[in-house]
Amino acid sequence: MKNGLLVYSDKYEYFNIGDYIQSLAAKQYFKEIDVYVCREQLDTYFGDDVKMIFNGWFTHEPDNWPPSLHIHPLFVSFHINSVAAEKLTNVTSISYLKKYEPIGCRDKKTAELLKALNVNAYFSGCLTLTLGKIYKRKDPDGKIYFVDPHFKANKDIKYITKYLITLLTKYRIIKIISNKMYNTTNMHSMLKASAFYGTYSNIFSDDVLTNAEYLCQEMRSSEISNHENRFLFAENLLDKYCSANFIVTSRIHCALPCLGIGTPVLYVENQQQAETSHCRLDGLRELLHTIKCNGSELTFNLTSKKITQNYKFSNKTDYQVLADNLEKACTVFCK
């Protein structure tokens, strides 16, 4: 039987490199990968029988479910998103899932959904919690990364006036941040950087915000056009995370890999996010040190002082039991 790995559709304008990081977590358990299979086209695979780990977010195209019978899956870290739940919980899908019980679910909400439909399901956590199997923590290089930190740039005139005042009083700082976040200092970008600064300067010192590097995990599909290059980019990103002093992110697939690697991470959770995002987090947010973002207000209880470049903290260790169980399940399956 061949070994397969999930890849992701390139027909959309944007893709999330976090998907490829999830696949790298699965790749750790195979000696070699024989074939890539697109998550959105699992039903059309008709090659040699293939063994695959089904971890991650399912799916942008629920009409293409269930997968081909030529695919032999291990369900761990499986998430059914609310936008796909109707198709992924119909009679045909439930019959398919029951063939591969127990179903390890990335979040508690997915596990509860399947249990209510008499599927043997459990909360497994995310497979990226095991990335430390190959991707090892390095000596910190002094860098701090902000990876897609959530903030709200309000278009109301009252807020625009506030951003302008911040821009005038903190012009040098805002210019540095705008350059780093958007590679430009035009007025639109400067106002967004001002909104970001107005939110994050309540918790982070100016030296952190001006010296940090700003990264984005959502990219145009045209920027990196094939799967091999996307995997290479994901590995280079993980290499940065391995040596960071600490990371601040609103991307769950930056935060959870950092736990697995051992890099200190602060997760910024948008308290006003849509159900399609909120439904992913039950059981996962509890593993992280979380900064709550409600509009333009941040709340953080780990320290009462501003976070500086020299700030030291350790991640929670609750994830380790989940990581150990995931590693055992995947090791047995891939052998």
Protein backbone atom coordinates (compact mmCIF):
# COMPACT_ATOMS: atom_id res chain seq x y z
CA MET A 1 0.00 0.00 0.00
CA LYS A 2 1.23 3.50 -0.86
CA ASN A 3 1.65 6.35 1.59
CA GLY A 4 -0.37 9.50 0.94
CA LEU A 5 -0.34 13.05 2.24
CA LEU A 6 -3.03 15.71 2.17
CA VAL A 7 -2.45 18.77 0.00
CA TYR A 8 -4.81 21.64 -0.70
CA SER A 9 -6.60 23.12 -3.67
CA ASP A 10 -4.75 25.79 -5.66
CA LYS A 11 -7.88 27.07 -7.41
CA TYR A 12 -8.61 29.68 -4.73
CA GLU A 13 -7.02 33.13 -4.71
CA TYR A 14 -5.52 32.58 -1.27
CA PHE A 15 -4.23 29.59 0.66
CA ASN A 16 -3.23 29.12 4.30
CA ILE A 17 0.29 27.81 4.86
CA GLY A 18 -1.03 26.44 8.17
CA ASP A 19 -2.70 23.65 6.17
CA TYR A 20 0.72 22.56 4.90
CA ILE A 21 2.10 22.75 8.44
CA GLN A 22 -0.64 20.29 9.45
CA SER A 23 0.44 17.98 6.63
CA LEU A 24 4.06 18.23 7.76
CA ALA A 25 2.89 16.98 11.15
CA ALA A 26 1.42 13.89 9.43
CA LYS A 27 4.49 13.45 7.21
CA GLN A 28 6.67 12.86 10.28
CA TYR A 29 5.21 9.37 10.68
CA PHE A 30 5.86 8.02 7.17
CA LYS A 31 9.22 6.83 5.88
CA GLU A 32 8.34 8.30 2.51
CA ILE A 33 5.39 9.88 0.72
CA ASP A 34 4.30 8.29 -2.56
CA VAL A 35 1.38 10.47 -3.53
CA TYR A 36 -0.27 13.79 -2.73
CA VAL A 37 -4.07 13.77 -2.54
CA CYS A 38 -6.06 17.00 -2.53
CA ARG A 39 -8.34 17.42 0.48
CA GLU A 40 -11.08 18.91 -1.73
CA GLN A 41 -10.98 16.02 -4.24
CA LEU A 42 -10.74 12.94 -2.04
CA ASP A 43 -13.71 11.32 -3.77
CA THR A 44 -12.00 11.31 -7.19
CA TYR A 45 -8.82 9.46 -6.14
CA PHE A 46 -8.56 6.17 -8.09
CA GLY A 47 -4.86 5.29 -7.94
CA ASP A 48 -3.19 2.56 -5.93
CA ASP A 49 -4.61 1.96 -2.48
CA VAL A 50 -3.15 4.60 -0.19
CA LYS A 51 -2.73 4.97 3.54
CA MET A 52 -3.37 8.52 4.84
CA ILE A 53 -3.76 10.47 8.06
CA PHE A 54 -6.91 12.59 7.93
CA ASN A 55 -6.08 15.51 10.18
CA GLY A 56 -7.26 19.08 9.82
CA TRP A 57 -10.16 21.21 8.65
CA PHE A 58 -12.80 19.50 6.46
CA THR A 59 -13.79 20.79 3.98
CA HIS A 60 -14.24 23.63 1.48
CA GLU A 61 -16.08 21.31 -0.91
CA PRO A 62 -18.31 19.02 1.17
CA ASP A 63 -20.09 17.77 -1.97
CA ASN A 64 -16.88 15.82 -2.69
CA TRP A 65 -17.26 13.72 0.46
CA PRO A 66 -16.97 10.87 1.42
CA PRO A 67 -13.53 9.91 0.09
CA SER A 68 -12.64 7.19 -2.38
CA LEU A 69 -12.56 3.63 -1.06
CA HIS A 70 -8.98 3.43 -2.37
CA ILE A 71 -8.00 5.67 0.55
CA HIS A 72 -7.44 3.98 3.91
CA PRO A 73 -7.54 6.73 6.54
CA LEU A 74 -6.58 7.22 10.15
CA PHE A 75 -8.93 9.82 11.62
CA VAL A 76 -7.09 11.92 14.18
CA SER A 77 -7.29 15.68 14.70
CA PHE A 78 -10.34 15.70 12.43
CA HIS A 79 -12.40 18.91 12.38
CA ILE A 80 -15.85 19.23 10.83
CA ASN A 81 -16.44 22.90 10.22
CA SER A 82 -19.90 24.33 10.64
CA VAL A 83 -20.02 25.31 6.93
CA ALA A 84 -19.64 21.63 5.97
CA ALA A 85 -21.43 19.95 8.85
CA GLU A 86 -24.68 19.24 7.00
CA LYS A 87 -22.99 17.13 4.31
CA LEU A 88 -20.38 15.56 6.61
CA THR A 89 -23.04 14.33 9.01
CA ASN A 90 -25.59 12.96 6.54
CA VAL A 91 -26.48 9.26 6.46
CA THR A 92 -23.84 8.41 3.84
CA SER A 93 -21.08 10.23 5.70
CA ILE A 94 -21.95 8.75 9.09
CA SER A 95 -21.90 5.26 7.55
CA TYR A 96 -18.45 6.02 6.14
CA LEU A 97 -17.08 7.41 9.41
CA LYS A 98 -18.30 4.42 11.40
CA LYS A 99 -16.06 2.17 9.28
CA TYR A 100 -13.03 3.92 10.74
CA GLU A 101 -14.03 4.36 14.38
CA PRO A 102 -12.86 5.65 16.73
CA ILE A 103 -12.68 9.12 15.16
CA GLY A 104 -10.09 11.35 16.80
CA CYS A 105 -11.36 14.93 16.70
CA ARG A 106 -9.22 18.05 16.76
CA ASP A 107 -11.75 19.96 18.89
CA LYS A 108 -14.36 19.01 21.44
CA LYS A 109 -17.24 20.42 19.42
CA THR A 110 -16.55 17.99 16.54
CA ALA A 111 -16.32 15.09 19.01
CA GLU A 112 -19.65 16.04 20.60
CA LEU A 113 -21.29 16.41 17.19
CA LEU A 114 -20.26 12.90 16.13
CA LYS A 115 -21.05 11.31 19.47
CA ALA A 116 -24.60 12.70 19.20
CA LEU A 117 -24.86 10.78 15.91
CA ASN A 118 -23.70 7.52 17.55
CA VAL A 119 -20.21 7.67 16.09
CA ASN A 120 -17.43 6.51 18.42
CA ALA A 121 -15.48 9.76 18.65
CA TYR A 122 -13.04 11.37 21.09
CA PHE A 123 -11.10 14.61 21.52
CA SER A 124 -7.56 13.97 20.24
CA GLY A 125 -6.24 17.53 19.97
CA CYS A 126 -4.25 18.67 16.95
CA LEU A 127 -1.50 16.62 15.32
CA THR A 128 0.71 19.73 15.12
CA LEU A 129 1.19 19.26 18.88
CA THR A 130 3.61 16.48 17.90
CA LEU A 131 5.79 18.58 15.56
CA GLY A 132 8.58 18.40 18.14
CA LYS A 133 9.19 14.84 16.92
CA ILE A 134 11.25 16.30 14.03
CA TYR A 135 11.22 20.09 14.44
CA LYS A 136 13.34 20.79 17.51
CA ARG A 137 13.51 23.89 19.66
CA LYS A 138 16.76 25.83 19.06
CA ASP A 139 18.63 28.38 21.13
CA PRO A 140 16.58 31.60 20.98
CA ASP A 141 17.91 34.09 18.43
CA GLY A 142 16.32 37.13 20.08
CA LYS A 143 13.54 37.49 17.52
CA ILE A 144 9.88 38.04 18.33
CA TYR A 145 7.26 37.25 15.69
CA PHE A 146 3.75 38.62 15.40
CA VAL A 147 1.93 36.19 13.10
CA ASP A 148 -1.39 37.56 11.83
CA PRO A 149 -2.24 39.24 15.16
CA HIS A 150 -5.95 40.07 15.24
CA PHE A 151 -7.02 43.69 15.60
CA LYS A 152 -9.92 45.77 14.35
CA ALA A 153 -9.40 48.86 12.18
CA ASN A 154 -12.77 50.60 12.46
CA LYS A 155 -13.87 52.81 9.54
CA ASP A 156 -16.08 55.06 11.66
CA ILE A 157 -14.95 58.70 11.59
CA LYS A 158 -14.53 58.73 15.38
CA TYR A 159 -11.99 55.92 15.18
CA ILE A 160 -10.22 57.30 12.12
CA THR A 161 -9.72 60.54 14.06
CA LYS A 162 -8.27 58.52 16.93
CA TYR A 163 -5.90 56.69 14.57
CA LEU A 164 -4.77 60.02 13.09
CA ILE A 165 -4.00 61.41 16.53
CA THR A 166 -1.99 58.28 17.36
CA LEU A 167 -0.18 58.59 14.04
CA LEU A 168 0.76 62.21 14.72
CA THR A 169 1.94 61.57 18.27
CA LYS A 170 3.75 58.27 17.53
CA TYR A 171 4.75 58.87 13.92
CA ARG A 172 8.20 57.21 14.02
CA ILE A 173 6.85 54.08 15.72
CA ILE A 174 3.83 53.79 13.42
CA LYS A 175 6.03 54.23 10.34
CA ILE A 176 8.29 51.36 11.45
CA ILE A 177 5.33 49.09 12.14
CA SER A 178 3.62 49.98 8.84
CA ASN A 179 6.78 49.16 6.91
CA LYS A 180 7.13 45.83 8.66
CA MET A 181 3.48 44.81 8.44
CA TYR A 182 2.61 46.09 4.96
CA ASN A 183 5.94 46.92 3.26
CA THR A 184 4.66 50.46 2.67
CA THR A 185 3.99 53.72 4.46
CA ASN A 186 1.05 55.02 2.44
CA MET A 187 -1.74 56.63 4.43
CA HIS A 188 -4.04 53.59 4.35
CA SER A 189 -1.34 51.32 5.77
CA MET A 190 -0.23 53.89 8.31
CA LEU A 191 -3.80 54.18 9.63
CA LYS A 192 -4.08 50.39 9.95
CA ALA A 193 -0.71 50.30 11.73
CA SER A 194 -1.98 53.05 14.01
CA ALA A 195 -5.06 50.95 14.85
CA PHE A 196 -2.81 47.98 15.57
CA TYR A 197 -0.53 50.08 17.77
CA GLY A 198 -3.47 51.58 19.66
CA THR A 199 -4.63 48.07 20.54
CA TYR A 200 -1.36 46.25 21.22
CA SER A 201 0.58 49.04 22.96
CA ASN A 202 -1.64 48.49 26.01
CA ILE A 203 0.11 45.17 26.60
CA PHE A 204 3.38 45.31 24.63
CA SER A 205 6.18 47.84 25.01
CA ASP A 206 7.26 50.01 22.08
CA ASP A 207 10.55 48.11 21.78
CA VAL A 208 8.66 44.86 21.20
CA LEU A 209 6.33 46.37 18.60
CA THR A 210 9.09 48.12 16.64
CA ASN A 211 11.68 45.33 16.75
CA ALA A 212 9.32 42.41 16.10
CA GLU A 213 8.98 40.74 12.71
CA TYR A 214 5.47 40.54 11.26
CA LEU A 215 4.47 37.42 9.34
CA CYS A 216 1.35 36.30 7.50
CA GLN A 217 0.29 32.68 7.04
CA GLU A 218 -2.38 33.44 4.44
CA MET A 219 -0.85 33.95 1.00
CA ARG A 220 -1.86 34.42 -2.60
CA SER A 221 -1.88 31.12 -4.47
CA SER A 222 0.09 32.76 -7.28
CA GLU A 223 2.98 33.53 -4.88
CA ILE A 224 3.86 29.86 -4.32
CA SER A 225 2.40 27.82 -7.12
CA ASN A 226 3.19 24.15 -6.38
CA HIS A 227 2.91 21.83 -3.41
CA GLU A 228 6.63 21.09 -3.06
CA ASN A 229 7.43 24.79 -2.77
CA ARG A 230 4.61 25.29 -0.30
CA PHE A 231 5.97 22.50 1.89
CA LEU A 232 9.43 24.05 1.67
CA PHE A 233 8.03 27.44 2.68
CA ALA A 234 6.18 25.83 5.61
CA GLU A 235 9.39 24.13 6.78
CA ASN A 236 11.30 27.42 6.60
CA LEU A 237 8.55 29.05 8.64
CA LEU A 238 8.77 26.32 11.28
CA ASP A 239 12.53 26.84 11.37
CA LYS A 240 11.91 30.49 12.31
CA TYR A 241 9.43 29.47 14.98
CA CYS A 242 11.96 26.99 16.43
CA SER A 243 14.43 29.74 17.33
CA ALA A 244 12.11 32.64 18.26
CA ASN A 245 12.22 34.24 21.70
CA PHE A 246 8.45 34.12 21.68
CA ILE A 247 5.54 34.41 19.23
CA VAL A 248 2.26 36.32 19.31
CA THR A 249 -0.41 35.02 16.95
CA SER A 250 -4.10 34.71 16.15
CA ARG A 251 -3.40 31.68 13.94
CA ILE A 252 -4.22 28.42 15.69
CA HIS A 253 -1.81 26.71 13.29
CA CYS A 254 1.00 28.88 14.42
CA ALA A 255 0.13 28.63 18.12
CA LEU A 256 -0.29 24.84 18.36
CA PRO A 257 2.90 24.03 16.40
CA CYS A 258 4.75 26.33 18.82
CA LEU A 259 3.48 24.21 21.70
CA GLY A 260 4.73 21.07 19.96
CA ILE A 261 8.13 22.60 19.23
CA GLY A 262 8.48 24.23 22.65
CA THR A 263 8.56 27.88 21.56
CA PRO A 264 6.78 30.24 24.00
CA VAL A 265 3.59 31.49 22.36
CA LEU A 266 0.75 33.87 23.17
CA TYR A 267 -2.52 33.23 21.38
CA VAL A 268 -4.69 36.27 20.59
CA GLU A 269 -8.32 35.15 20.39
CA ASN A 270 -10.87 37.35 18.68
CA GLN A 271 -13.88 37.33 21.00
CA GLN A 272 -16.15 38.52 18.17
CA GLN A 273 -15.22 35.97 15.51
CA ALA A 274 -17.77 34.13 13.38
CA GLU A 275 -19.03 30.65 14.24
CA THR A 276 -16.95 29.12 11.41
CA SER A 277 -13.84 30.17 13.33
CA HIS A 278 -15.12 29.92 16.89
CA CYS A 279 -16.27 26.30 16.46
CA ARG A 280 -12.66 25.16 15.96
CA LEU A 281 -11.36 26.14 19.37
CA ASP A 282 -13.11 24.16 22.13
CA GLY A 283 -10.44 22.15 23.92
CA LEU A 284 -7.58 23.91 22.13
CA ARG A 285 -7.72 27.42 23.59
CA GLU A 286 -7.34 25.86 27.04
CA LEU A 287 -3.87 24.59 26.07
CA LEU A 288 -2.57 28.11 25.40
CA HIS A 289 -1.79 31.34 27.19
CA THR A 290 -4.54 33.47 25.67
CA ILE A 291 -4.85 37.20 25.10
CA LYS A 292 -8.52 38.04 24.62
CA CYS A 293 -9.25 40.65 21.96
CA ASN A 294 -12.65 42.32 22.15
CA GLY A 295 -12.82 45.04 19.51
CA SER A 296 -9.82 47.23 20.28
CA GLU A 297 -9.38 45.98 23.86
CA LEU A 298 -6.86 43.32 24.88
CA THR A 299 -7.08 41.39 28.14
CA PHE A 300 -4.17 39.31 29.43
CA ASN A 301 -3.83 37.86 32.92
CA LEU A 302 -0.38 36.27 32.86
CA THR A 303 1.35 39.53 33.83
CA SER A 304 0.21 42.96 34.99
CA LYS A 305 3.25 44.69 33.45
CA LYS A 306 3.89 45.53 29.81
CA ILE A 307 5.59 42.75 27.90
CA THR A 308 9.13 43.73 26.89
CA GLN A 309 11.70 42.08 24.64
CA ASN A 310 13.19 40.32 27.66
CA TYR A 311 9.89 38.84 28.81
CA LYS A 312 10.23 35.20 29.80
CA PHE A 313 7.43 32.70 30.17
CA SER A 314 6.79 29.00 29.69
CA ASN A 315 3.97 27.34 27.77
CA LYS A 316 1.36 25.29 29.54
CA THR A 317 2.16 21.57 29.57
CA ASP A 318 -1.41 20.22 29.37
CA TYR A 319 -0.95 19.45 25.66
CA GLN A 320 1.68 16.78 26.31
CA VAL A 321 -0.76 13.95 27.10
CA LEU A 322 -2.61 14.66 23.86
CA ALA A 323 0.67 14.79 21.92
CA ASP A 324 1.86 11.48 23.36
CA ASN A 325 -1.41 9.72 22.47
CA LEU A 326 -1.38 11.16 18.96
CA GLU A 327 2.20 10.05 18.40
CA LYS A 328 1.37 6.49 19.53
CA ALA A 329 -1.70 6.26 17.26
CA CYS A 330 0.11 7.58 14.18
CA THR A 331 3.21 5.46 14.77
CA VAL A 332 1.15 2.27 14.96
CA PHE A 333 -0.92 3.20 11.90
CA CYS A 334 2.06 4.10 9.73
CA LYS A 335 4.01 0.95 10.57
